[in-house]
Amino acid sequence: MLPGSTNCIESLSVFYEDPSCTRRIHQSISDLLGSLNSRQRDVVVLCIGTDRSTGDSLGPLVGTKLNQLNYGGFDVFGTLEQPVHAVNLVSVVESIKIRYHNPIIIAVDACLGKAERIGYINVKPGVLYPGTALQKSLPAVGDLHISGIVNVGGFLEHLVLQNTRLSLVVKMAEVIAYGLAGCKK
């Protein structure tokens, strides 16, 4: 285990290059879904972000990769072609609630953090607060969430997100998508 990695029944934080990362993400998601899905509720993955900002493209990249993997275990909202972002988040969540009866929503989004945490993927129970780094007032979403720390937060967040390494975001998105789908990368 890498320094700073944590793994407990309720949450996971693991570096994207950890050889066991996809397996651990899958196990964590499976455990959390098992505790939430006692009545076999539909599972929806809500990938939040935009293709107009490198750092904020994590969610749409995960959604696109999940669709490419053609994994039928859940429906995906938020791709590079049809992103879910600040402008349409409320309407997409409303349409999910109309289309599905009491779904479990797994929210996926990029986040900013400390320099030593860049590249870590977090899986946690509970809601996600999208747009927090940019001081946006958006509704909390999800029954559980996955966040990827793509860059440093604390100062000029818009600029930081625009100048995030695409290579890192793409690699993290692949790891998250494979972990969600239960595939080996």
N, C-alpha and C. Protein backbone atom coordinates (compact mmCIF):
# COMPACT_ATOMS: atom_id res chain seq x y z
N MET A 1 0.85 -1.17 0.00
CA MET A 1 0.00 0.00 0.00
C MET A 1 0.89 1.24 0.00
N LEU A 2 0.54 2.21 -0.82
CA LEU A 2 1.30 3.44 -0.88
C LEU A 2 1.03 4.30 0.34
N PRO A 3 1.99 5.11 0.74
CA PRO A 3 1.74 6.02 1.86
C PRO A 3 0.54 6.91 1.54
N GLY A 4 -0.31 7.09 2.52
CA GLY A 4 -1.48 7.94 2.32
C GLY A 4 -2.69 7.20 1.80
N SER A 5 -2.53 5.94 1.34
CA SER A 5 -3.68 5.17 0.91
C SER A 5 -4.46 4.72 2.13
N THR A 6 -5.76 4.83 2.04
CA THR A 6 -6.59 4.35 3.13
C THR A 6 -7.66 3.45 2.54
N ASN A 7 -8.04 2.48 3.30
CA ASN A 7 -9.08 1.58 2.83
C ASN A 7 -9.85 1.09 4.05
N CYS A 8 -11.09 1.48 4.15
CA CYS A 8 -11.95 0.96 5.18
C CYS A 8 -13.27 0.61 4.54
N ILE A 9 -14.16 0.03 5.28
CA ILE A 9 -15.41 -0.44 4.72
C ILE A 9 -16.22 0.69 4.10
N GLU A 10 -16.06 1.91 4.60
CA GLU A 10 -16.89 3.01 4.14
C GLU A 10 -16.25 3.84 3.03
N SER A 11 -14.95 3.91 2.95
CA SER A 11 -14.35 4.76 1.94
C SER A 11 -13.00 4.20 1.50
N LEU A 12 -12.54 4.74 0.38
CA LEU A 12 -11.27 4.30 -0.20
C LEU A 12 -10.57 5.53 -0.75
N SER A 13 -9.28 5.60 -0.58
CA SER A 13 -8.46 6.61 -1.23
C SER A 13 -7.21 5.89 -1.71
N VAL A 14 -7.00 5.88 -3.03
CA VAL A 14 -5.91 5.10 -3.59
C VAL A 14 -5.29 5.85 -4.77
N PHE A 15 -3.98 5.74 -4.90
CA PHE A 15 -3.25 6.40 -5.98
C PHE A 15 -3.54 5.66 -7.28
N TYR A 16 -3.75 6.43 -8.35
CA TYR A 16 -4.17 5.83 -9.62
C TYR A 16 -3.15 4.86 -10.22
N GLU A 17 -1.87 4.98 -9.86
CA GLU A 17 -0.86 4.06 -10.39
C GLU A 17 -0.67 2.82 -9.52
N ASP A 18 -1.37 2.73 -8.41
CA ASP A 18 -1.30 1.53 -7.57
C ASP A 18 -1.77 0.35 -8.42
N PRO A 19 -0.99 -0.72 -8.50
CA PRO A 19 -1.36 -1.87 -9.33
C PRO A 19 -2.73 -2.48 -8.98
N SER A 20 -3.17 -2.30 -7.75
CA SER A 20 -4.45 -2.87 -7.35
C SER A 20 -5.59 -1.84 -7.39
N CYS A 21 -5.34 -0.69 -7.98
CA CYS A 21 -6.30 0.41 -7.93
C CYS A 21 -7.66 0.03 -8.52
N THR A 22 -7.71 -0.51 -9.73
CA THR A 22 -9.01 -0.82 -10.34
C THR A 22 -9.76 -1.87 -9.52
N ARG A 23 -9.05 -2.89 -9.04
CA ARG A 23 -9.69 -3.92 -8.23
C ARG A 23 -10.24 -3.33 -6.94
N ARG A 24 -9.47 -2.46 -6.32
CA ARG A 24 -9.91 -1.85 -5.05
C ARG A 24 -11.10 -0.91 -5.25
N ILE A 25 -11.10 -0.17 -6.35
CA ILE A 25 -12.25 0.69 -6.66
C ILE A 25 -13.48 -0.18 -6.86
N HIS A 26 -13.34 -1.23 -7.63
CA HIS A 26 -14.48 -2.12 -7.89
C HIS A 26 -15.01 -2.73 -6.59
N GLN A 27 -14.11 -3.20 -5.75
CA GLN A 27 -14.53 -3.81 -4.48
C GLN A 27 -15.22 -2.79 -3.59
N SER A 28 -14.69 -1.59 -3.52
CA SER A 28 -15.29 -0.55 -2.69
C SER A 28 -16.68 -0.19 -3.19
N ILE A 29 -16.82 -0.02 -4.50
CA ILE A 29 -18.13 0.29 -5.09
C ILE A 29 -19.09 -0.87 -4.83
N SER A 30 -18.64 -2.09 -5.02
CA SER A 30 -19.49 -3.27 -4.78
C SER A 30 -19.97 -3.32 -3.33
N ASP A 31 -19.06 -3.07 -2.40
CA ASP A 31 -19.42 -3.08 -0.98
C ASP A 31 -20.45 -1.99 -0.66
N LEU A 32 -20.20 -0.78 -1.18
CA LEU A 32 -21.13 0.32 -0.91
C LEU A 32 -22.49 0.07 -1.57
N LEU A 33 -22.49 -0.45 -2.80
CA LEU A 33 -23.76 -0.76 -3.46
C LEU A 33 -24.51 -1.85 -2.71
N GLY A 34 -23.78 -2.82 -2.22
CA GLY A 34 -24.41 -3.90 -1.46
C GLY A 34 -25.12 -3.38 -0.22
N SER A 35 -24.53 -2.38 0.40
CA SER A 35 -25.17 -1.83 1.60
C SER A 35 -26.35 -0.91 1.26
N LEU A 36 -26.39 -0.38 0.04
CA LEU A 36 -27.46 0.54 -0.36
C LEU A 36 -28.57 -0.12 -1.17
N ASN A 37 -28.28 -1.23 -1.81
CA ASN A 37 -29.17 -1.78 -2.82
C ASN A 37 -29.97 -2.97 -2.33
N SER A 38 -30.52 -2.86 -1.13
CA SER A 38 -31.23 -4.01 -0.57
C SER A 38 -32.49 -4.36 -1.36
N ARG A 39 -33.06 -3.42 -2.10
CA ARG A 39 -34.27 -3.69 -2.88
C ARG A 39 -33.98 -3.73 -4.38
N GLN A 40 -32.76 -4.00 -4.75
CA GLN A 40 -32.38 -4.09 -6.16
C GLN A 40 -32.76 -2.84 -6.96
N ARG A 41 -32.37 -1.69 -6.44
CA ARG A 41 -32.63 -0.43 -7.11
C ARG A 41 -31.74 -0.29 -8.35
N ASP A 42 -32.22 0.51 -9.32
CA ASP A 42 -31.41 0.81 -10.50
C ASP A 42 -30.19 1.61 -10.07
N VAL A 43 -29.08 1.39 -10.76
CA VAL A 43 -27.85 2.13 -10.49
C VAL A 43 -27.54 3.01 -11.70
N VAL A 44 -27.31 4.28 -11.43
CA VAL A 44 -27.00 5.26 -12.46
C VAL A 44 -25.66 5.90 -12.12
N VAL A 45 -24.79 6.05 -13.11
CA VAL A 45 -23.52 6.73 -12.92
C VAL A 45 -23.65 8.12 -13.54
N LEU A 46 -23.46 9.14 -12.72
CA LEU A 46 -23.58 10.54 -13.14
C LEU A 46 -22.18 11.14 -13.17
N CYS A 47 -21.64 11.31 -14.38
CA CYS A 47 -20.27 11.79 -14.58
C CYS A 47 -20.30 13.29 -14.85
N ILE A 48 -19.83 14.06 -13.90
CA ILE A 48 -19.97 15.51 -13.93
C ILE A 48 -18.67 16.17 -14.40
N GLY A 49 -18.82 17.18 -15.25
CA GLY A 49 -17.67 17.94 -15.72
C GLY A 49 -17.90 18.44 -17.13
N THR A 50 -16.86 19.01 -17.70
CA THR A 50 -16.97 19.57 -19.05
C THR A 50 -15.73 19.24 -19.87
N ASP A 51 -15.92 19.13 -21.17
CA ASP A 51 -14.79 18.90 -22.07
C ASP A 51 -14.08 20.21 -22.41
N ARG A 52 -14.55 21.32 -21.86
CA ARG A 52 -13.96 22.63 -22.14
C ARG A 52 -12.86 23.01 -21.16
N SER A 53 -12.59 22.16 -20.21
CA SER A 53 -11.55 22.40 -19.22
C SER A 53 -10.83 21.08 -18.96
N THR A 54 -9.55 21.06 -19.18
CA THR A 54 -8.78 19.83 -19.02
C THR A 54 -9.01 19.19 -17.65
N GLY A 55 -8.86 19.97 -16.60
CA GLY A 55 -9.00 19.42 -15.26
C GLY A 55 -10.40 18.96 -14.93
N ASP A 56 -11.38 19.60 -15.53
CA ASP A 56 -12.78 19.27 -15.23
C ASP A 56 -13.34 18.21 -16.18
N SER A 57 -12.50 17.63 -17.02
CA SER A 57 -12.97 16.63 -17.99
C SER A 57 -12.96 15.21 -17.44
N LEU A 58 -12.56 15.02 -16.19
CA LEU A 58 -12.50 13.66 -15.62
C LEU A 58 -13.84 12.94 -15.73
N GLY A 59 -14.91 13.57 -15.28
CA GLY A 59 -16.23 12.93 -15.32
C GLY A 59 -16.65 12.52 -16.72
N PRO A 60 -16.66 13.45 -17.69
CA PRO A 60 -17.04 13.07 -19.05
C PRO A 60 -16.13 12.00 -19.67
N LEU A 61 -14.86 12.02 -19.33
CA LEU A 61 -13.96 10.97 -19.83
C LEU A 61 -14.33 9.61 -19.24
N VAL A 62 -14.68 9.57 -17.95
CA VAL A 62 -15.12 8.31 -17.33
C VAL A 62 -16.39 7.82 -18.02
N GLY A 63 -17.37 8.71 -18.22
CA GLY A 63 -18.62 8.32 -18.87
C GLY A 63 -18.40 7.78 -20.28
N THR A 64 -17.53 8.45 -21.04
CA THR A 64 -17.22 8.01 -22.40
C THR A 64 -16.57 6.63 -22.39
N LYS A 65 -15.61 6.44 -21.50
CA LYS A 65 -14.91 5.15 -21.41
C LYS A 65 -15.87 4.04 -20.97
N LEU A 66 -16.76 4.32 -20.02
CA LEU A 66 -17.74 3.31 -19.61
C LEU A 66 -18.62 2.89 -20.79
N ASN A 67 -19.04 3.85 -21.59
CA ASN A 67 -19.85 3.51 -22.77
C ASN A 67 -19.04 2.70 -23.78
N GLN A 68 -17.75 3.00 -23.94
CA GLN A 68 -16.90 2.23 -24.84
C GLN A 68 -16.71 0.79 -24.35
N LEU A 69 -16.66 0.63 -23.04
CA LEU A 69 -16.53 -0.71 -22.47
C LEU A 69 -17.80 -1.52 -22.64
N ASN A 70 -18.90 -0.81 -22.95
CA ASN A 70 -20.20 -1.45 -23.19
C ASN A 70 -20.61 -2.31 -22.01
N TYR A 71 -20.43 -1.76 -20.82
CA TYR A 71 -20.80 -2.47 -19.61
C TYR A 71 -22.26 -2.19 -19.30
N GLY A 72 -23.09 -3.19 -19.21
CA GLY A 72 -24.52 -3.02 -19.06
C GLY A 72 -25.03 -3.02 -17.64
N GLY A 73 -24.18 -2.87 -16.64
CA GLY A 73 -24.62 -2.93 -15.26
C GLY A 73 -25.32 -1.69 -14.76
N PHE A 74 -25.18 -0.58 -15.46
CA PHE A 74 -25.81 0.66 -15.05
C PHE A 74 -25.85 1.62 -16.23
N ASP A 75 -26.73 2.60 -16.15
CA ASP A 75 -26.80 3.63 -17.17
C ASP A 75 -25.87 4.77 -16.81
N VAL A 76 -25.32 5.41 -17.84
CA VAL A 76 -24.33 6.46 -17.67
C VAL A 76 -24.88 7.78 -18.21
N PHE A 77 -24.74 8.82 -17.41
CA PHE A 77 -25.07 10.18 -17.82
C PHE A 77 -23.81 11.02 -17.68
N GLY A 78 -23.44 11.73 -18.75
CA GLY A 78 -22.26 12.58 -18.75
C GLY A 78 -21.12 11.95 -19.51
N THR A 79 -20.96 12.40 -20.75
CA THR A 79 -19.88 11.93 -21.62
C THR A 79 -19.25 13.15 -22.28
N LEU A 80 -18.21 12.92 -23.07
CA LEU A 80 -17.61 14.03 -23.80
C LEU A 80 -18.61 14.64 -24.78
N GLU A 81 -19.44 13.80 -25.39
CA GLU A 81 -20.42 14.27 -26.36
C GLU A 81 -21.62 14.95 -25.69
N GLN A 82 -22.00 14.47 -24.52
CA GLN A 82 -23.14 15.01 -23.80
C GLN A 82 -22.76 15.19 -22.32
N PRO A 83 -21.96 16.22 -22.05
CA PRO A 83 -21.49 16.41 -20.67
C PRO A 83 -22.61 16.89 -19.74
N VAL A 84 -22.45 16.56 -18.47
CA VAL A 84 -23.31 17.07 -17.40
C VAL A 84 -22.45 18.06 -16.62
N HIS A 85 -22.87 19.31 -16.60
CA HIS A 85 -22.08 20.37 -16.01
C HIS A 85 -22.97 21.35 -15.27
N ALA A 86 -22.41 22.45 -14.82
CA ALA A 86 -23.15 23.41 -13.99
C ALA A 86 -24.44 23.90 -14.64
N VAL A 87 -24.43 24.06 -15.95
CA VAL A 87 -25.61 24.61 -16.64
C VAL A 87 -26.77 23.63 -16.69
N ASN A 88 -26.49 22.33 -16.86
CA ASN A 88 -27.58 21.36 -17.05
C ASN A 88 -27.70 20.33 -15.93
N LEU A 89 -26.92 20.44 -14.87
CA LEU A 89 -26.92 19.44 -13.80
C LEU A 89 -28.32 19.25 -13.21
N VAL A 90 -29.00 20.32 -12.88
CA VAL A 90 -30.31 20.22 -12.24
C VAL A 90 -31.29 19.50 -13.16
N SER A 91 -31.33 19.85 -14.44
CA SER A 91 -32.28 19.22 -15.35
C SER A 91 -31.95 17.74 -15.59
N VAL A 92 -30.67 17.40 -15.63
CA VAL A 92 -30.29 15.99 -15.80
C VAL A 92 -30.70 15.17 -14.58
N VAL A 93 -30.45 15.70 -13.40
CA VAL A 93 -30.84 14.98 -12.17
C VAL A 93 -32.36 14.82 -12.12
N GLU A 94 -33.10 15.85 -12.50
CA GLU A 94 -34.57 15.75 -12.54
C GLU A 94 -35.01 14.68 -13.53
N SER A 95 -34.37 14.61 -14.70
CA SER A 95 -34.76 13.59 -15.69
C SER A 95 -34.42 12.18 -15.21
N ILE A 96 -33.32 12.04 -14.46
CA ILE A 96 -32.98 10.73 -13.88
C ILE A 96 -34.06 10.30 -12.90
N LYS A 97 -34.50 11.24 -12.06
CA LYS A 97 -35.52 10.91 -11.06
C LYS A 97 -36.87 10.59 -11.70
N ILE A 98 -37.15 11.16 -12.86
CA ILE A 98 -38.38 10.83 -13.58
C ILE A 98 -38.27 9.45 -14.25
N ARG A 99 -37.11 9.19 -14.84
CA ARG A 99 -36.90 7.97 -15.60
C ARG A 99 -36.76 6.72 -14.72
N TYR A 100 -36.17 6.89 -13.55
CA TYR A 100 -35.89 5.76 -12.65
C TYR A 100 -36.62 5.97 -11.34
N HIS A 101 -37.10 4.88 -10.78
CA HIS A 101 -37.75 4.95 -9.48
C HIS A 101 -36.70 4.74 -8.39
N ASN A 102 -36.42 5.78 -7.61
CA ASN A 102 -35.50 5.70 -6.49
C ASN A 102 -34.15 5.07 -6.85
N PRO A 103 -33.45 5.63 -7.85
CA PRO A 103 -32.18 5.03 -8.25
C PRO A 103 -31.07 5.31 -7.25
N ILE A 104 -30.05 4.47 -7.29
CA ILE A 104 -28.81 4.76 -6.59
C ILE A 104 -27.94 5.50 -7.61
N ILE A 105 -27.48 6.68 -7.23
CA ILE A 105 -26.65 7.48 -8.13
C ILE A 105 -25.22 7.48 -7.63
N ILE A 106 -24.31 7.05 -8.52
CA ILE A 106 -22.88 7.14 -8.26
C ILE A 106 -22.40 8.39 -8.99
N ALA A 107 -22.02 9.41 -8.25
CA ALA A 107 -21.54 10.66 -8.85
C ALA A 107 -20.02 10.58 -9.02
N VAL A 108 -19.55 11.05 -10.17
CA VAL A 108 -18.11 11.04 -10.48
C VAL A 108 -17.71 12.46 -10.87
N ASP A 109 -16.65 12.97 -10.26
CA ASP A 109 -16.22 14.33 -10.57
C ASP A 109 -14.74 14.51 -10.23
N ALA A 110 -14.14 15.50 -10.86
CA ALA A 110 -12.77 15.89 -10.54
C ALA A 110 -12.79 16.79 -9.31
N CYS A 111 -11.69 16.85 -8.62
CA CYS A 111 -11.57 17.80 -7.51
C CYS A 111 -10.13 18.28 -7.41
N LEU A 112 -9.95 19.34 -6.66
CA LEU A 112 -8.63 19.88 -6.40
C LEU A 112 -8.26 19.57 -4.97
N GLY A 113 -6.97 19.47 -4.70
CA GLY A 113 -6.53 19.14 -3.34
C GLY A 113 -5.11 19.57 -3.09
N LYS A 114 -4.48 18.94 -2.15
CA LYS A 114 -3.09 19.25 -1.81
C LYS A 114 -2.16 18.61 -2.85
N ALA A 115 -0.99 19.21 -3.03
CA ALA A 115 -0.04 18.74 -4.04
C ALA A 115 0.31 17.26 -3.87
N GLU A 116 0.48 16.84 -2.62
CA GLU A 116 0.87 15.43 -2.38
C GLU A 116 -0.27 14.45 -2.61
N ARG A 117 -1.49 14.94 -2.85
CA ARG A 117 -2.65 14.07 -3.07
C ARG A 117 -3.06 14.01 -4.55
N ILE A 118 -2.37 14.74 -5.42
CA ILE A 118 -2.70 14.70 -6.85
C ILE A 118 -2.54 13.27 -7.35
N GLY A 119 -3.55 12.80 -8.06
CA GLY A 119 -3.53 11.43 -8.59
C GLY A 119 -4.28 10.44 -7.72
N TYR A 120 -4.78 10.87 -6.58
CA TYR A 120 -5.54 9.97 -5.72
C TYR A 120 -7.01 9.95 -6.14
N ILE A 121 -7.58 8.77 -6.07
CA ILE A 121 -8.99 8.55 -6.38
C ILE A 121 -9.68 8.17 -5.08
N ASN A 122 -10.78 8.84 -4.80
CA ASN A 122 -11.53 8.62 -3.57
C ASN A 122 -12.89 8.04 -3.88
N VAL A 123 -13.27 7.02 -3.15
CA VAL A 123 -14.61 6.43 -3.24
C VAL A 123 -15.22 6.56 -1.86
N LYS A 124 -16.37 7.24 -1.79
CA LYS A 124 -16.96 7.51 -0.48
C LYS A 124 -18.48 7.39 -0.54
N PRO A 125 -19.08 7.01 0.57
CA PRO A 125 -20.54 7.04 0.63
C PRO A 125 -21.01 8.48 0.78
N GLY A 126 -22.24 8.74 0.39
CA GLY A 126 -22.81 10.07 0.57
C GLY A 126 -22.73 10.91 -0.67
N VAL A 127 -23.21 12.13 -0.52
CA VAL A 127 -23.35 13.04 -1.66
C VAL A 127 -22.02 13.67 -2.05
N LEU A 128 -22.01 14.14 -3.28
CA LEU A 128 -20.90 14.90 -3.84
C LEU A 128 -21.37 16.34 -4.01
N TYR A 129 -20.50 17.30 -3.75
CA TYR A 129 -20.82 18.70 -3.91
C TYR A 129 -20.06 19.25 -5.12
N PRO A 130 -20.64 19.13 -6.32
CA PRO A 130 -19.92 19.60 -7.52
C PRO A 130 -19.75 21.11 -7.50
N GLY A 131 -18.66 21.55 -8.09
CA GLY A 131 -18.40 22.98 -8.22
C GLY A 131 -17.86 23.65 -6.98
N THR A 132 -17.58 22.90 -5.94
CA THR A 132 -17.12 23.48 -4.69
C THR A 132 -15.82 24.27 -4.87
N ALA A 133 -14.88 23.72 -5.62
CA ALA A 133 -13.58 24.38 -5.80
C ALA A 133 -13.73 25.74 -6.49
N LEU A 134 -14.78 25.88 -7.29
CA LEU A 134 -15.00 27.13 -8.02
C LEU A 134 -16.06 28.00 -7.36
N GLN A 135 -16.40 27.67 -6.14
CA GLN A 135 -17.40 28.41 -5.36
C GLN A 135 -18.75 28.49 -6.09
N LYS A 136 -19.12 27.42 -6.78
CA LYS A 136 -20.43 27.36 -7.44
C LYS A 136 -21.44 26.76 -6.48
N SER A 137 -22.64 27.27 -6.54
CA SER A 137 -23.72 26.77 -5.70
C SER A 137 -24.56 25.79 -6.51
N LEU A 138 -24.17 24.53 -6.47
CA LEU A 138 -24.86 23.48 -7.21
C LEU A 138 -25.43 22.48 -6.21
N PRO A 139 -26.48 21.77 -6.62
CA PRO A 139 -27.07 20.81 -5.68
C PRO A 139 -26.13 19.63 -5.41
N ALA A 140 -26.20 19.13 -4.20
CA ALA A 140 -25.47 17.91 -3.85
C ALA A 140 -26.10 16.75 -4.60
N VAL A 141 -25.29 15.84 -5.11
CA VAL A 141 -25.79 14.71 -5.89
C VAL A 141 -25.12 13.42 -5.46
N GLY A 142 -25.85 12.32 -5.65
CA GLY A 142 -25.29 11.00 -5.45
C GLY A 142 -25.61 10.37 -4.11
N ASP A 143 -25.62 9.07 -4.13
CA ASP A 143 -25.74 8.27 -2.91
C ASP A 143 -24.35 7.84 -2.45
N LEU A 144 -23.43 7.78 -3.40
CA LEU A 144 -22.03 7.55 -3.16
C LEU A 144 -21.29 8.26 -4.27
N HIS A 145 -20.02 8.50 -4.09
CA HIS A 145 -19.31 9.26 -5.12
C HIS A 145 -17.85 8.85 -5.26
N ILE A 146 -17.34 9.18 -6.44
CA ILE A 146 -15.94 8.96 -6.77
C ILE A 146 -15.38 10.31 -7.19
N SER A 147 -14.30 10.70 -6.56
CA SER A 147 -13.64 11.94 -6.94
C SER A 147 -12.18 11.67 -7.21
N GLY A 148 -11.65 12.38 -8.19
CA GLY A 148 -10.24 12.25 -8.53
C GLY A 148 -9.54 13.58 -8.35
N ILE A 149 -8.48 13.59 -7.57
CA ILE A 149 -7.74 14.82 -7.33
C ILE A 149 -6.80 15.05 -8.51
N VAL A 150 -7.14 16.06 -9.33
CA VAL A 150 -6.42 16.27 -10.58
C VAL A 150 -5.38 17.39 -10.50
N ASN A 151 -5.47 18.25 -9.49
CA ASN A 151 -4.51 19.34 -9.38
C ASN A 151 -4.62 19.98 -8.00
N VAL A 152 -3.84 21.02 -7.79
CA VAL A 152 -3.76 21.71 -6.50
C VAL A 152 -4.87 22.75 -6.39
N GLY A 153 -5.50 22.80 -5.23
CA GLY A 153 -6.53 23.79 -4.99
C GLY A 153 -6.04 24.88 -4.07
N GLY A 154 -6.83 25.96 -3.99
CA GLY A 154 -6.52 27.01 -3.05
C GLY A 154 -6.28 28.37 -3.65
N PHE A 155 -5.98 28.44 -4.96
CA PHE A 155 -5.69 29.72 -5.55
C PHE A 155 -5.92 29.65 -7.06
N LEU A 156 -6.69 30.58 -7.60
CA LEU A 156 -6.97 30.67 -9.03
C LEU A 156 -7.43 29.34 -9.63
N GLU A 157 -8.45 28.76 -9.03
CA GLU A 157 -8.91 27.42 -9.41
C GLU A 157 -9.27 27.29 -10.89
N HIS A 158 -9.91 28.32 -11.49
CA HIS A 158 -10.24 28.25 -12.92
C HIS A 158 -8.98 28.05 -13.76
N LEU A 159 -7.95 28.82 -13.44
CA LEU A 159 -6.70 28.72 -14.17
C LEU A 159 -6.03 27.37 -13.92
N VAL A 160 -6.07 26.91 -12.69
CA VAL A 160 -5.48 25.61 -12.34
C VAL A 160 -6.15 24.49 -13.14
N LEU A 161 -7.49 24.51 -13.20
CA LEU A 161 -8.21 23.48 -13.94
C LEU A 161 -7.87 23.53 -15.43
N GLN A 162 -7.71 24.73 -15.98
CA GLN A 162 -7.37 24.88 -17.40
C GLN A 162 -5.96 24.38 -17.70
N ASN A 163 -5.10 24.39 -16.71
CA ASN A 163 -3.69 24.01 -16.91
C ASN A 163 -3.35 22.67 -16.28
N THR A 164 -4.33 21.82 -16.12
CA THR A 164 -4.12 20.48 -15.58
C THR A 164 -3.65 19.57 -16.70
N ARG A 165 -2.75 18.65 -16.38
CA ARG A 165 -2.21 17.72 -17.38
C ARG A 165 -3.29 16.77 -17.88
N LEU A 166 -3.55 16.81 -19.18
CA LEU A 166 -4.54 15.93 -19.78
C LEU A 166 -4.15 14.47 -19.61
N SER A 167 -2.88 14.18 -19.70
CA SER A 167 -2.40 12.81 -19.54
C SER A 167 -2.84 12.21 -18.20
N LEU A 168 -2.68 12.97 -17.14
CA LEU A 168 -3.09 12.51 -15.81
C LEU A 168 -4.59 12.26 -15.76
N VAL A 169 -5.37 13.20 -16.28
CA VAL A 169 -6.83 13.09 -16.22
C VAL A 169 -7.31 11.87 -17.02
N VAL A 170 -6.74 11.64 -18.19
CA VAL A 170 -7.12 10.49 -19.01
C VAL A 170 -6.78 9.19 -18.30
N LYS A 171 -5.60 9.09 -17.73
CA LYS A 171 -5.20 7.86 -17.02
C LYS A 171 -6.10 7.61 -15.82
N MET A 172 -6.41 8.66 -15.07
CA MET A 172 -7.29 8.49 -13.91
C MET A 172 -8.69 8.07 -14.35
N ALA A 173 -9.18 8.66 -15.45
CA ALA A 173 -10.51 8.32 -15.96
C ALA A 173 -10.58 6.85 -16.36
N GLU A 174 -9.54 6.36 -17.00
CA GLU A 174 -9.51 4.95 -17.40
C GLU A 174 -9.55 4.04 -16.18
N VAL A 175 -8.75 4.36 -15.18
CA VAL A 175 -8.72 3.55 -13.96
C VAL A 175 -10.10 3.53 -13.29
N ILE A 176 -10.74 4.68 -13.20
CA ILE A 176 -12.06 4.76 -12.58
C ILE A 176 -13.08 3.97 -13.38
N ALA A 177 -13.07 4.13 -14.71
CA ALA A 177 -14.04 3.41 -15.56
C ALA A 177 -13.85 1.90 -15.45
N TYR A 178 -12.60 1.44 -15.52
CA TYR A 178 -12.36 0.00 -15.38
C TYR A 178 -12.77 -0.49 -14.00
N GLY A 179 -12.51 0.31 -12.99
CA GLY A 179 -12.93 -0.07 -11.64
C GLY A 179 -14.44 -0.17 -11.50
N LEU A 180 -15.15 0.80 -12.06
CA LEU A 180 -16.63 0.76 -12.03
C LEU A 180 -17.15 -0.47 -12.77
N ALA A 181 -16.56 -0.75 -13.91
CA ALA A 181 -17.04 -1.85 -14.75
C ALA A 181 -16.56 -3.22 -14.25
N GLY A 182 -15.60 -3.23 -13.34
CA GLY A 182 -15.09 -4.49 -12.84
C GLY A 182 -14.19 -5.19 -13.83
N CYS A 183 -13.56 -4.42 -14.72
CA CYS A 183 -12.65 -4.97 -15.73
C CYS A 183 -11.22 -4.81 -15.27
N LYS A 184 -10.33 -5.61 -15.86
CA LYS A 184 -8.91 -5.43 -15.62
C LYS A 184 -8.39 -4.46 -16.66
N LYS A 185 -7.57 -3.54 -16.19
CA LYS A 185 -6.99 -2.54 -17.10
C LYS A 185 -5.75 -3.12 -17.74
